[in-house]
Amino acid sequence: LQDVVDAHTTMCVDMGGFHIWIARYLHSFRARQLLITNGQQT
């Protein structure tokens, strides 16, 4: 995923174990590029 994401890509992430992997290990390049509600259980 990191290799296909550039500064012009927006990512919207759901809730689950996957969101921790993404939040912890995927780099983002600008504000509001990686959208996660985190502990809201949405």
Full PDB file with SEQRES, HELIX, SHEET, SSBOND, CRYST1, ORIGX, SCALE, CONECT and MASTER records, all heavy atoms in Angstrom:
SEQRES   1 A   42  LEU GLN ASP VAL VAL ASP ALA HIS THR THR MET CYS VAL          
SEQRES   2 A   42  ASP MET GLY GLY PHE HIS ILE TRP ILE ALA ARG TYR LEU          
SEQRES   3 A   42  HIS SER PHE ARG ALA ARG GLN LEU LEU ILE THR ASN GLY          
SEQRES   4 A   42  GLN GLN THR                                                  
HELIX    1 AA1 GLY A   17  TYR A   25  1                                   9    
HELIX    2 AA2 ASN A   38  GLN A   40  5                                   3    
SHEET    1 AA1 2 MET A  11  VAL A  13  0                                        
SHEET    2 AA1 2 LEU A  34  ILE A  36  1                                        
CRYST1    1.000    1.000    1.000  90.00  90.00  90.00 P 1           1          
ORIGX1      1.000000  0.000000  0.000000        0.00000                         
ORIGX2      0.000000  1.000000  0.000000        0.00000                         
ORIGX3      0.000000  0.000000  1.000000        0.00000                         
SCALE1      1.000000  0.000000  0.000000        0.00000                         
SCALE2      0.000000  1.000000  0.000000        0.00000                         
SCALE3      0.000000  0.000000  1.000000        0.00000                         
ATOM      1  N   LEU A   1       0.837  -1.202   0.000  1.00  0.00           N  
ATOM      2  CA  LEU A   1       0.000   0.000   0.000  1.00  0.00           C  
ATOM      3  C   LEU A   1       0.872   1.252   0.000  1.00  0.00           C  
ATOM      4  O   LEU A   1       0.590   2.227  -0.705  1.00  0.00           O  
ATOM      5  CB  LEU A   1      -0.922   0.004   1.223  1.00  0.00           C  
ATOM      6  CG  LEU A   1      -2.131  -0.913   1.181  1.00  0.00           C  
ATOM      7  CD1 LEU A   1      -2.830  -0.935   2.542  1.00  0.00           C  
ATOM      8  CD2 LEU A   1      -3.131  -0.466   0.106  1.00  0.00           C  
ATOM      9  N   GLN A   2       1.941   1.223   0.801  1.00  0.00           N  
ATOM     10  CA  GLN A   2       2.847   2.366   0.858  1.00  0.00           C  
ATOM     11  C   GLN A   2       3.395   2.714  -0.519  1.00  0.00           C  
ATOM     12  O   GLN A   2       3.549   3.891  -0.874  1.00  0.00           O  
ATOM     13  CB  GLN A   2       4.011   2.050   1.802  1.00  0.00           C  
ATOM     14  CG  GLN A   2       4.957   3.217   2.059  1.00  0.00           C  
ATOM     15  CD  GLN A   2       4.376   4.227   3.033  1.00  0.00           C  
ATOM     16  OE1 GLN A   2       4.286   3.957   4.222  1.00  0.00           O  
ATOM     17  NE2 GLN A   2       3.997   5.389   2.538  1.00  0.00           N  
ATOM     18  N   ASP A   3       3.657   1.696  -1.318  1.00  0.00           N  
ATOM     19  CA  ASP A   3       4.265   1.913  -2.625  1.00  0.00           C  
ATOM     20  C   ASP A   3       3.295   2.475  -3.659  1.00  0.00           C  
ATOM     21  O   ASP A   3       3.736   2.952  -4.714  1.00  0.00           O  
ATOM     22  CB  ASP A   3       4.877   0.603  -3.143  1.00  0.00           C  
ATOM     23  CG  ASP A   3       6.126   0.197  -2.381  1.00  0.00           C  
ATOM     24  OD1 ASP A   3       6.655   1.034  -1.613  1.00  0.00           O  
ATOM     25  OD2 ASP A   3       6.573  -0.953  -2.519  1.00  0.00           O  
ATOM     26  N   VAL A   4       1.984   2.407  -3.406  1.00  0.00           N  
ATOM     27  CA  VAL A   4       1.026   2.989  -4.357  1.00  0.00           C  
ATOM     28  C   VAL A   4       0.440   4.307  -3.848  1.00  0.00           C  
ATOM     29  O   VAL A   4      -0.278   4.986  -4.574  1.00  0.00           O  
ATOM     30  CB  VAL A   4      -0.130   2.009  -4.694  1.00  0.00           C  
ATOM     31  CG1 VAL A   4       0.405   0.747  -5.325  1.00  0.00           C  
ATOM     32  CG2 VAL A   4      -0.977   1.690  -3.476  1.00  0.00           C  
ATOM     33  N   VAL A   5       0.740   4.667  -2.617  1.00  0.00           N  
ATOM     34  CA  VAL A   5       0.242   5.920  -2.037  1.00  0.00           C  
ATOM     35  C   VAL A   5       1.257   7.034  -2.301  1.00  0.00           C  
ATOM     36  O   VAL A   5       2.438   6.879  -2.019  1.00  0.00           O  
ATOM     37  CB  VAL A   5       0.014   5.775  -0.518  1.00  0.00           C  
ATOM     38  CG1 VAL A   5      -0.298   7.129   0.109  1.00  0.00           C  
ATOM     39  CG2 VAL A   5      -1.109   4.797  -0.243  1.00  0.00           C  
ATOM     40  N   ASP A   6       0.780   8.129  -2.870  1.00  0.00           N  
ATOM     41  CA  ASP A   6       1.633   9.298  -3.007  1.00  0.00           C  
ATOM     42  C   ASP A   6       0.961  10.492  -2.326  1.00  0.00           C  
ATOM     43  O   ASP A   6      -0.075  10.341  -1.669  1.00  0.00           O  
ATOM     44  CB  ASP A   6       1.961   9.593  -4.474  1.00  0.00           C  
ATOM     45  CG  ASP A   6       0.721   9.877  -5.311  1.00  0.00           C  
ATOM     46  OD1 ASP A   6      -0.314  10.306  -4.749  1.00  0.00           O  
ATOM     47  OD2 ASP A   6       0.772   9.677  -6.544  1.00  0.00           O  
ATOM     48  N   ALA A   7       1.534  11.669  -2.480  1.00  0.00           N  
ATOM     49  CA  ALA A   7       1.031  12.841  -1.772  1.00  0.00           C  
ATOM     50  C   ALA A   7      -0.367  13.245  -2.218  1.00  0.00           C  
ATOM     51  O   ALA A   7      -1.043  14.019  -1.533  1.00  0.00           O  
ATOM     52  CB  ALA A   7       1.993  14.013  -1.963  1.00  0.00           C  
ATOM     53  N   HIS A   8      -0.816  12.730  -3.361  1.00  0.00           N  
ATOM     54  CA  HIS A   8      -2.128  13.094  -3.882  1.00  0.00           C  
ATOM     55  C   HIS A   8      -3.191  12.028  -3.598  1.00  0.00           C  
ATOM     56  O   HIS A   8      -4.310  12.133  -4.085  1.00  0.00           O  
ATOM     57  CB  HIS A   8      -2.036  13.336  -5.386  1.00  0.00           C  
ATOM     58  CG  HIS A   8      -1.040  14.393  -5.755  1.00  0.00           C  
ATOM     59  ND1 HIS A   8      -1.225  15.722  -5.470  1.00  0.00           N  
ATOM     60  CD2 HIS A   8       0.168  14.298  -6.365  1.00  0.00           C  
ATOM     61  CE1 HIS A   8      -0.177  16.414  -5.894  1.00  0.00           C  
ATOM     62  NE2 HIS A   8       0.681  15.575  -6.440  1.00  0.00           N  
ATOM     63  N   THR A   9      -2.839  11.021  -2.821  1.00  0.00           N  
ATOM     64  CA  THR A   9      -3.775   9.937  -2.499  1.00  0.00           C  
ATOM     65  C   THR A   9      -4.329  10.140  -1.094  1.00  0.00           C  
ATOM     66  O   THR A   9      -3.575  10.377  -0.153  1.00  0.00           O  
ATOM     67  CB  THR A   9      -3.075   8.567  -2.558  1.00  0.00           C  
ATOM     68  OG1 THR A   9      -2.378   8.442  -3.800  1.00  0.00           O  
ATOM     69  CG2 THR A   9      -4.085   7.438  -2.432  1.00  0.00           C  
ATOM     70  N   THR A  10      -5.643  10.028  -0.960  1.00  0.00           N  
ATOM     71  CA  THR A  10      -6.281  10.057   0.358  1.00  0.00           C  
ATOM     72  C   THR A  10      -6.638   8.632   0.759  1.00  0.00           C  
ATOM     73  O   THR A  10      -7.124   7.855  -0.065  1.00  0.00           O  
ATOM     74  CB  THR A  10      -7.557  10.920   0.328  1.00  0.00           C  
ATOM     75  OG1 THR A  10      -7.206  12.275   0.027  1.00  0.00           O  
ATOM     76  CG2 THR A  10      -8.271  10.887   1.680  1.00  0.00           C  
ATOM     77  N   MET A  11      -6.385   8.283   2.023  1.00  0.00           N  
ATOM     78  CA  MET A  11      -6.725   6.962   2.536  1.00  0.00           C  
ATOM     79  C   MET A  11      -7.762   7.086   3.646  1.00  0.00           C  
ATOM     80  O   MET A  11      -7.615   7.900   4.562  1.00  0.00           O  
ATOM     81  CB  MET A  11      -5.491   6.241   3.071  1.00  0.00           C  
ATOM     82  CG  MET A  11      -4.535   5.761   2.000  1.00  0.00           C  
ATOM     83  SD  MET A  11      -3.290   4.629   2.669  1.00  0.00           S  
ATOM     84  CE  MET A  11      -4.301   3.207   3.063  1.00  0.00           C  
ATOM     85  N   CYS A  12      -8.802   6.271   3.566  1.00  0.00           N  
ATOM     86  CA  CYS A  12      -9.853   6.217   4.584  1.00  0.00           C  
ATOM     87  C   CYS A  12      -9.827   4.827   5.213  1.00  0.00           C  
ATOM     88  O   CYS A  12     -10.004   3.833   4.503  1.00  0.00           O  
ATOM     89  CB  CYS A  12     -11.223   6.483   3.959  1.00  0.00           C  
ATOM     90  SG  CYS A  12     -11.316   8.038   3.039  1.00  0.00           S  
ATOM     91  N   VAL A  13      -9.607   4.759   6.516  1.00  0.00           N  
ATOM     92  CA  VAL A  13      -9.367   3.477   7.176  1.00  0.00           C  
ATOM     93  C   VAL A  13     -10.481   3.165   8.172  1.00  0.00           C  
ATOM     94  O   VAL A  13     -10.843   4.004   9.003  1.00  0.00           O  
ATOM     95  CB  VAL A  13      -7.996   3.482   7.892  1.00  0.00           C  
ATOM     96  CG1 VAL A  13      -7.703   2.123   8.501  1.00  0.00           C  
ATOM     97  CG2 VAL A  13      -6.894   3.868   6.907  1.00  0.00           C  
ATOM     98  N   ASP A  14     -11.005   1.968   8.076  1.00  0.00           N  
ATOM     99  CA  ASP A  14     -12.078   1.479   8.935  1.00  0.00           C  
ATOM    100  C   ASP A  14     -11.515   1.063  10.289  1.00  0.00           C  
ATOM    101  O   ASP A  14     -10.359   1.339  10.613  1.00  0.00           O  
ATOM    102  CB  ASP A  14     -12.769   0.305   8.236  1.00  0.00           C  
ATOM    103  CG  ASP A  14     -14.284   0.377   8.345  1.00  0.00           C  
ATOM    104  OD1 ASP A  14     -14.791   0.543   9.471  1.00  0.00           O  
ATOM    105  OD2 ASP A  14     -14.954   0.251   7.306  1.00  0.00           O  
ATOM    106  N   MET A  15     -12.325   0.359  11.071  1.00  0.00           N  
ATOM    107  CA  MET A  15     -11.931  -0.117  12.385  1.00  0.00           C  
ATOM    108  C   MET A  15     -11.669  -1.622  12.372  1.00  0.00           C  
ATOM    109  O   MET A  15     -12.448  -2.382  11.797  1.00  0.00           O  
ATOM    110  CB  MET A  15     -13.032   0.175  13.403  1.00  0.00           C  
ATOM    111  CG  MET A  15     -13.102   1.613  13.867  1.00  0.00           C  
ATOM    112  SD  MET A  15     -11.650   2.111  14.831  1.00  0.00           S  
ATOM    113  CE  MET A  15     -10.711   3.008  13.593  1.00  0.00           C  
ATOM    114  N   GLY A  16     -10.592  -2.034  13.025  1.00  0.00           N  
ATOM    115  CA  GLY A  16     -10.224  -3.442  13.119  1.00  0.00           C  
ATOM    116  C   GLY A  16      -8.734  -3.554  13.367  1.00  0.00           C  
ATOM    117  O   GLY A  16      -8.025  -2.543  13.441  1.00  0.00           O  
ATOM    118  N   GLY A  17      -8.224  -4.779  13.460  1.00  0.00           N  
ATOM    119  CA  GLY A  17      -6.799  -4.967  13.676  1.00  0.00           C  
ATOM    120  C   GLY A  17      -5.966  -4.308  12.600  1.00  0.00           C  
ATOM    121  O   GLY A  17      -4.868  -3.793  12.861  1.00  0.00           O  
ATOM    122  N   PHE A  18      -6.464  -4.292  11.367  1.00  0.00           N  
ATOM    123  CA  PHE A  18      -5.748  -3.705  10.232  1.00  0.00           C  
ATOM    124  C   PHE A  18      -5.464  -2.227  10.462  1.00  0.00           C  
ATOM    125  O   PHE A  18      -4.451  -1.705   9.998  1.00  0.00           O  
ATOM    126  CB  PHE A  18      -6.553  -3.892   8.941  1.00  0.00           C  
ATOM    127  CG  PHE A  18      -7.927  -3.300   9.014  1.00  0.00           C  
ATOM    128  CD1 PHE A  18      -8.152  -2.002   8.642  1.00  0.00           C  
ATOM    129  CD2 PHE A  18      -8.985  -4.045   9.511  1.00  0.00           C  
ATOM    130  CE1 PHE A  18      -9.410  -1.441   8.754  1.00  0.00           C  
ATOM    131  CE2 PHE A  18     -10.249  -3.501   9.618  1.00  0.00           C  
ATOM    132  CZ  PHE A  18     -10.462  -2.190   9.235  1.00  0.00           C  
ATOM    133  N   HIS A  19      -6.366  -1.524  11.166  1.00  0.00           N  
ATOM    134  CA  HIS A  19      -6.161  -0.080  11.318  1.00  0.00           C  
ATOM    135  C   HIS A  19      -4.962   0.211  12.221  1.00  0.00           C  
ATOM    136  O   HIS A  19      -4.286   1.226  12.055  1.00  0.00           O  
ATOM    137  CB  HIS A  19      -7.447   0.607  11.821  1.00  0.00           C  
ATOM    138  CG  HIS A  19      -7.471   0.970  13.266  1.00  0.00           C  
ATOM    139  ND1 HIS A  19      -8.017   0.141  14.223  1.00  0.00           N  
ATOM    140  CD2 HIS A  19      -7.020   2.072  13.925  1.00  0.00           C  
ATOM    141  CE1 HIS A  19      -7.901   0.727  15.408  1.00  0.00           C  
ATOM    142  NE2 HIS A  19      -7.311   1.887  15.267  1.00  0.00           N  
ATOM    143  N   ILE A  20      -4.651  -0.701  13.148  1.00  0.00           N  
ATOM    144  CA  ILE A  20      -3.458  -0.511  13.980  1.00  0.00           C  
ATOM    145  C   ILE A  20      -2.200  -0.723  13.145  1.00  0.00           C  
ATOM    146  O   ILE A  20      -1.236   0.044  13.238  1.00  0.00           O  
ATOM    147  CB  ILE A  20      -3.479  -1.465  15.190  1.00  0.00           C  
ATOM    148  CG1 ILE A  20      -4.737  -1.241  16.032  1.00  0.00           C  
ATOM    149  CG2 ILE A  20      -2.221  -1.249  16.043  1.00  0.00           C  
ATOM    150  CD1 ILE A  20      -4.858  -2.157  17.222  1.00  0.00           C  
ATOM    151  N   TRP A  21      -2.198  -1.757  12.311  1.00  0.00           N  
ATOM    152  CA  TRP A  21      -1.049  -1.994  11.434  1.00  0.00           C  
ATOM    153  C   TRP A  21      -0.800  -0.791  10.539  1.00  0.00           C  
ATOM    154  O   TRP A  21       0.347  -0.362  10.362  1.00  0.00           O  
ATOM    155  CB  TRP A  21      -1.276  -3.244  10.583  1.00  0.00           C  
ATOM    156  CG  TRP A  21      -1.235  -4.535  11.333  1.00  0.00           C  
ATOM    157  CD1 TRP A  21      -2.298  -5.292  11.733  1.00  0.00           C  
ATOM    158  CD2 TRP A  21      -0.064  -5.237  11.768  1.00  0.00           C  
ATOM    159  NE1 TRP A  21      -1.857  -6.424  12.397  1.00  0.00           N  
ATOM    160  CE2 TRP A  21      -0.498  -6.417  12.432  1.00  0.00           C  
ATOM    161  CE3 TRP A  21       1.306  -4.996  11.661  1.00  0.00           C  
ATOM    162  CZ2 TRP A  21       0.388  -7.342  12.977  1.00  0.00           C  
ATOM    163  CZ3 TRP A  21       2.195  -5.919  12.207  1.00  0.00           C  
ATOM    164  CH2 TRP A  21       1.728  -7.070  12.862  1.00  0.00           C  
ATOM    165  N   ILE A  22      -1.854  -0.222   9.972  1.00  0.00           N  
ATOM    166  CA  ILE A  22      -1.703   0.917   9.073  1.00  0.00           C  
ATOM    167  C   ILE A  22      -1.284   2.168   9.836  1.00  0.00           C  
ATOM    168  O   ILE A  22      -0.360   2.890   9.430  1.00  0.00           O  
ATOM    169  CB  ILE A  22      -3.017   1.150   8.297  1.00  0.00           C  
ATOM    170  CG1 ILE A  22      -3.231   0.013   7.294  1.00  0.00           C  
ATOM    171  CG2 ILE A  22      -2.994   2.504   7.578  1.00  0.00           C  
ATOM    172  CD1 ILE A  22      -4.574   0.055   6.589  1.00  0.00           C  
ATOM    173  N   ALA A  23      -1.940   2.445  10.961  1.00  0.00           N  
ATOM    174  CA  ALA A  23      -1.616   3.645  11.737  1.00  0.00           C  
ATOM    175  C   ALA A  23      -0.177   3.615  12.238  1.00  0.00           C  
ATOM    176  O   ALA A  23       0.495   4.649  12.313  1.00  0.00           O  
ATOM    177  CB  ALA A  23      -2.584   3.773  12.915  1.00  0.00           C  
ATOM    178  N   ARG A  24       0.308   2.421  12.554  1.00  0.00           N  
ATOM    179  CA  ARG A  24       1.645   2.308  13.138  1.00  0.00           C  
ATOM    180  C   ARG A  24       2.753   2.284  12.092  1.00  0.00           C  
ATOM    181  O   ARG A  24       3.845   2.826  12.328  1.00  0.00           O  
ATOM    182  CB  ARG A  24       1.707   1.032  13.989  1.00  0.00           C  
ATOM    183  CG  ARG A  24       2.991   0.892  14.787  1.00  0.00           C  
ATOM    184  CD  ARG A  24       2.942  -0.314  15.707  1.00  0.00           C  
ATOM    185  NE  ARG A  24       2.014  -0.117  16.821  1.00  0.00           N  
ATOM    186  CZ  ARG A  24       1.828  -1.007  17.804  1.00  0.00           C  
ATOM    187  NH1 ARG A  24       2.519  -2.141  17.799  1.00  0.00           N  
ATOM    188  NH2 ARG A  24       0.977  -0.757  18.763  1.00  0.00           N  
ATOM    189  N   TYR A  25       2.486   1.705  10.910  1.00  0.00           N  
ATOM    190  CA  TYR A  25       3.583   1.424   9.991  1.00  0.00           C  
ATOM    191  C   TYR A  25       3.484   2.092   8.625  1.00  0.00           C  
ATOM    192  O   TYR A  25       4.450   2.051   7.866  1.00  0.00           O  
ATOM    193  CB  TYR A  25       3.714  -0.096   9.797  1.00  0.00           C  
ATOM    194  CG  TYR A  25       4.040  -0.810  11.083  1.00  0.00           C  
ATOM    195  CD1 TYR A  25       3.122  -1.656  11.692  1.00  0.00           C  
ATOM    196  CD2 TYR A  25       5.265  -0.609  11.718  1.00  0.00           C  
ATOM    197  CE1 TYR A  25       3.417  -2.304  12.886  1.00  0.00           C  
ATOM    198  CE2 TYR A  25       5.569  -1.247  12.907  1.00  0.00           C  
ATOM    199  CZ  TYR A  25       4.643  -2.090  13.489  1.00  0.00           C  
ATOM    200  OH  TYR A  25       4.933  -2.714  14.663  1.00  0.00           O  
ATOM    201  N   LEU A  26       2.357   2.708   8.276  1.00  0.00           N  
ATOM    202  CA  LEU A  26       2.265   3.368   6.978  1.00  0.00           C  
ATOM    203  C   LEU A  26       2.528   4.855   7.144  1.00  0.00           C  
ATOM    204  O   LEU A  26       1.936   5.504   8.001  1.00  0.00           O  
ATOM    205  CB  LEU A  26       0.889   3.135   6.347  1.00  0.00           C  
ATOM    206  CG  LEU A  26       0.763   3.582   4.883  1.00  0.00           C  
ATOM    207  CD1 LEU A  26       0.008   2.547   4.058  1.00  0.00           C  
ATOM    208  CD2 LEU A  26       0.066   4.930   4.782  1.00  0.00           C  
ATOM    209  N   HIS A  27       3.419   5.406   6.326  1.00  0.00           N  
ATOM    210  CA  HIS A  27       3.772   6.822   6.408  1.00  0.00           C  
ATOM    211  C   HIS A  27       2.791   7.641   5.569  1.00  0.00           C  
ATOM    212  O   HIS A  27       2.419   7.250   4.467  1.00  0.00           O  
ATOM    213  CB  HIS A  27       5.194   7.061   5.880  1.00  0.00           C  
ATOM    214  CG  HIS A  27       6.225   6.235   6.574  1.00  0.00           C  
ATOM    215  ND1 HIS A  27       7.495   6.063   6.070  1.00  0.00           N  
ATOM    216  CD2 HIS A  27       6.185   5.521   7.734  1.00  0.00           C  
ATOM    217  CE1 HIS A  27       8.202   5.286   6.889  1.00  0.00           C  
ATOM    218  NE2 HIS A  27       7.419   4.947   7.891  1.00  0.00           N  
ATOM    219  N   SER A  28       2.393   8.791   6.083  1.00  0.00           N  
ATOM    220  CA  SER A  28       1.575   9.718   5.306  1.00  0.00           C  
ATOM    221  C   SER A  28       2.376  10.985   5.052  1.00  0.00           C  
ATOM    222  O   SER A  28       3.356  11.267   5.743  1.00  0.00           O  
ATOM    223  CB  SER A  28       0.260  10.033   6.023  1.00  0.00           C  
ATOM    224  OG  SER A  28       0.508  10.569   7.303  1.00  0.00           O  
ATOM    225  N   PHE A  29       1.950  11.765   4.042  1.00  0.00           N  
ATOM    226  CA  PHE A  29       2.764  12.862   3.553  1.00  0.00           C  
ATOM    227  C   PHE A  29       2.176  14.238   3.817  1.00  0.00           C  
ATOM    228  O   PHE A  29       2.864  15.238   3.669  1.00  0.00           O  
ATOM    229  CB  PHE A  29       2.977  12.703   2.035  1.00  0.00           C  
ATOM    230  CG  PHE A  29       3.538  11.364   1.651  1.00  0.00           C  
ATOM    231  CD1 PHE A  29       2.692  10.337   1.243  1.00  0.00           C  
ATOM    232  CD2 PHE A  29       4.893  11.113   1.716  1.00  0.00           C  
ATOM    233  CE1 PHE A  29       3.203   9.106   0.899  1.00  0.00           C  
ATOM    234  CE2 PHE A  29       5.406   9.877   1.371  1.00  0.00           C  
ATOM    235  CZ  PHE A  29       4.557   8.863   0.957  1.00  0.00           C  
ATOM    236  N   ARG A  30       0.911  14.329   4.156  1.00  0.00           N  
ATOM    237  CA  ARG A  30       0.287  15.629   4.349  1.00  0.00           C  
ATOM    238  C   ARG A  30      -0.844  15.505   5.367  1.00  0.00           C  
ATOM    239  O   ARG A  30      -1.292  14.396   5.679  1.00  0.00           O  
ATOM    240  CB  ARG A  30      -0.273  16.179   3.022  1.00  0.00           C  
ATOM    241  CG  ARG A  30      -1.291  15.261   2.356  1.00  0.00           C  
ATOM    242  CD  ARG A  30      -1.921  15.904   1.130  1.00  0.00           C  
ATOM    243  NE  ARG A  30      -2.681  14.948   0.343  1.00  0.00           N  
ATOM    244  CZ  ARG A  30      -3.924  14.564   0.615  1.00  0.00           C  
ATOM    245  NH1 ARG A  30      -4.542  15.049   1.680  1.00  0.00           N  
ATOM    246  NH2 ARG A  30      -4.550  13.695  -0.163  1.00  0.00           N  
ATOM    247  N   ALA A  31      -1.287  16.641   5.879  1.00  0.00           N  
ATOM    248  CA  ALA A  31      -2.402  16.653   6.821  1.00  0.00           C  
ATOM    249  C   ALA A  31      -3.661  16.135   6.140  1.00  0.00           C  
ATOM    250  O   ALA A  31      -3.912  16.402   4.970  1.00  0.00           O  
ATOM    251  CB  ALA A  31      -2.635  18.074   7.332  1.00  0.00           C  
ATOM    252  N   ARG A  32      -4.436  15.362   6.895  1.00  0.00           N  
ATOM    253  CA  ARG A  32      -5.711  14.804   6.426  1.00  0.00           C  
ATOM    254  C   ARG A  32      -5.559  13.876   5.230  1.00  0.00           C  
ATOM    255  O   ARG A  32      -6.485  13.698   4.451  1.00  0.00           O  
ATOM    256  CB  ARG A  32      -6.723  15.927   6.131  1.00  0.00           C  
ATOM    257  CG  ARG A  32      -7.162  16.677   7.371  1.00  0.00           C  
ATOM    258  CD  ARG A  32      -8.149  17.775   7.067  1.00  0.00           C  
ATOM    259  NE  ARG A  32      -7.547  18.859   6.310  1.00  0.00           N  
ATOM    260  CZ  ARG A  32      -6.816  19.831   6.856  1.00  0.00           C  
ATOM    261  NH1 ARG A  32      -6.620  19.857   8.157  1.00  0.00           N  
ATOM    262  NH2 ARG A  32      -6.302  20.793   6.111  1.00  0.00           N  
ATOM    263  N   GLN A  33      -4.381  13.297   5.072  1.00  0.00           N  
ATOM    264  CA  GLN A  33      -4.208  12.293   4.024  1.00  0.00           C  
ATOM    265  C   GLN A  33      -4.663  10.923   4.498  1.00  0.00           C  
ATOM    266  O   GLN A  33      -5.288  10.173   3.754  1.00  0.00           O  
ATOM    267  CB  GLN A  33      -2.745  12.206   3.584  1.00  0.00           C  
ATOM    268  CG  GLN A  33      -2.526  11.127   2.508  1.00  0.00           C  
ATOM    269  CD  GLN A  33      -1.094  11.033   2.045  1.00  0.00           C  
ATOM    270  OE1 GLN A  33      -0.167  11.285   2.817  1.00  0.00           O  
ATOM    271  NE2 GLN A  33      -0.898  10.687   0.791  1.00  0.00           N  
ATOM    272  N   LEU A  34      -4.337  10.586   5.746  1.00  0.00           N  
ATOM    273  CA  LEU A  34      -4.694   9.292   6.323  1.00  0.00           C  
ATOM    274  C   LEU A  34      -5.793   9.529   7.351  1.00  0.00           C  
ATOM    275  O   LEU A  34      -5.548  10.089   8.419  1.00  0.00           O  
ATOM    276  CB  LEU A  34      -3.461   8.651   6.969  1.00  0.00           C  
ATOM    277  CG  LEU A  34      -3.627   7.253   7.561  1.00  0.00           C  
ATOM    278  CD1 LEU A  34      -4.037   6.255   6.491  1.00  0.00           C  
ATOM    279  CD2 LEU A  34      -2.341   6.802   8.237  1.00  0.00           C  
ATOM    280  N   LEU A  35      -7.006   9.132   7.025  1.00  0.00           N  
ATOM    281  CA  LEU A  35      -8.166   9.412   7.855  1.00  0.00           C  
ATOM    282  C   LEU A  35      -8.544   8.172   8.660  1.00  0.00           C  
ATOM    283  O   LEU A  35      -8.894   7.136   8.090  1.00  0.00           O  
ATOM    284  CB  LEU A  35      -9.346   9.856   6.988  1.00  0.00           C  
ATOM    285  CG  LEU A  35      -9.056  11.022   6.027  1.00  0.00           C  
ATOM    286  CD1 LEU A  35     -10.291  11.345   5.200  1.00  0.00           C  
ATOM    287  CD2 LEU A  35      -8.589  12.256   6.790  1.00  0.00           C  
ATOM    288  N   ILE A  36      -8.456   8.273   9.989  1.00  0.00           N  
ATOM    289  CA  ILE A  36      -8.775   7.165  10.894  1.00  0.00           C  
ATOM    290  C   ILE A  36      -9.553   7.726  12.078  1.00  0.00           C  
ATOM    291  O   ILE A  36      -9.141   8.724  12.671  1.00  0.00           O  
ATOM    292  CB  ILE A  36      -7.508   6.455  11.416  1.00  0.00           C  
ATOM    293  CG1 ILE A  36      -6.658   5.915  10.261  1.00  0.00           C  
ATOM    294  CG2 ILE A  36      -7.866   5.318  12.359  1.00  0.00           C  
ATOM    295  CD1 ILE A  36      -5.372   5.242  10.707  1.00  0.00           C  
ATOM    296  N   THR A  37     -10.656   7.095  12.445  1.00  0.00           N  
ATOM    297  CA  THR A  37     -11.401   7.548  13.615  1.00  0.00           C  
ATOM    298  C   THR A  37     -10.862   6.959  14.910  1.00  0.00           C  
ATOM    299  O   THR A  37     -11.336   7.304  15.995  1.00  0.00           O  
ATOM    300  CB  THR A  37     -12.888   7.197  13.486  1.00  0.00           C  
ATOM    301  OG1 THR A  37     -13.019   5.787  13.304  1.00  0.00           O  
ATOM    302  CG2 THR A  37     -13.522   7.923  12.325  1.00  0.00           C  
ATOM    303  N   ASN A  38      -9.887   6.075  14.789  1.00  0.00           N  
ATOM    304  CA  ASN A  38      -9.149   5.500  15.916  1.00  0.00           C  
ATOM    305  C   ASN A  38     -10.074   4.836  16.930  1.00  0.00           C  
ATOM    306  O   ASN A  38     -10.729   3.862  16.593  1.00  0.00           O  
ATOM    307  CB  ASN A  38      -8.267   6.559  16.568  1.00  0.00           C  
ATOM    308  CG  ASN A  38      -7.015   5.950  17.176  1.00  0.00           C  
ATOM    309  OD1 ASN A  38      -6.694   4.795  16.903  1.00  0.00           O  
ATOM    310  ND2 ASN A  38      -6.310   6.689  17.982  1.00  0.00           N  
ATOM    311  N   GLY A  39     -10.201   5.359  18.138  1.00  0.00           N  
ATOM    312  CA  GLY A  39     -10.929   4.650  19.186  1.00  0.00           C  
ATOM    313  C   GLY A  39     -12.435   4.821  19.157  1.00  0.00           C  
ATOM    314  O   GLY A  39     -13.110   4.423  20.115  1.00  0.00           O  
ATOM    315  N   GLN A  40     -12.976   5.408  18.103  1.00  0.00           N  
ATOM    316  CA  GLN A  40     -14.410   5.685  18.077  1.00  0.00           C  
ATOM    317  C   GLN A  40     -15.263   4.461  17.697  1.00  0.00           C  
ATOM    318  O   GLN A  40     -16.491   4.525  17.712  1.00  0.00           O  
ATOM    319  CB  GLN A  40     -14.701   6.831  17.097  1.00  0.00           C  
ATOM    320  CG  GLN A  40     -13.972   8.126  17.433  1.00  0.00           C  
ATOM    321  CD  GLN A  40     -14.292   8.614  18.830  1.00  0.00           C  
ATOM    322  OE1 GLN A  40     -15.447   8.667  19.237  1.00  0.00           O  
ATOM    323  NE2 GLN A  40     -13.245   8.964  19.591  1.00  0.00           N  
ATOM    324  N   GLN A  41     -14.619   3.359  17.286  1.00  0.00           N  
ATOM    325  CA  GLN A  41     -15.333   2.109  16.988  1.00  0.00           C  
ATOM    326  C   GLN A  41     -16.368   2.274  15.871  1.00  0.00           C  
ATOM    327  O   GLN A  41     -17.469   1.722  15.931  1.00  0.00           O  
ATOM    328  CB  GLN A  41     -16.009   1.564  18.257  1.00  0.00           C  
ATOM    329  CG  GLN A  41     -15.061   1.294  19.413  1.00  0.00           C  
ATOM    330  CD  GLN A  41     -14.011   0.244  19.090  1.00  0.00           C  
ATOM    331  OE1 GLN A  41     -14.323  -0.786  18.502  1.00  0.00           O  
ATOM    332  NE2 GLN A  41     -12.771   0.503  19.455  1.00  0.00           N  
ATOM    333  N   THR A  42     -16.024   3.035  14.845  1.00  0.00           N  
ATOM    334  CA  THR A  42     -16.955   3.324  13.749  1.00  0.00           C  
ATOM    335  C   THR A  42     -16.831   2.277  12.651  1.00  0.00           C  
ATOM    336  O   THR A  42     -16.427   2.571  11.521  1.00  0.00           O  
ATOM    337  CB  THR A  42     -16.679   4.725  13.169  1.00  0.00           C  
ATOM    338  OG1 THR A  42     -15.276   4.812  12.865  1.00  0.00           O  
ATOM    339  CG2 THR A  42     -17.054   5.800  14.149  1.00  0.00           C  
TER     340      THR A  42                                                      
MASTER        0    0    0    2    2    0    0    6  339    1    0    4          
END                                                                             
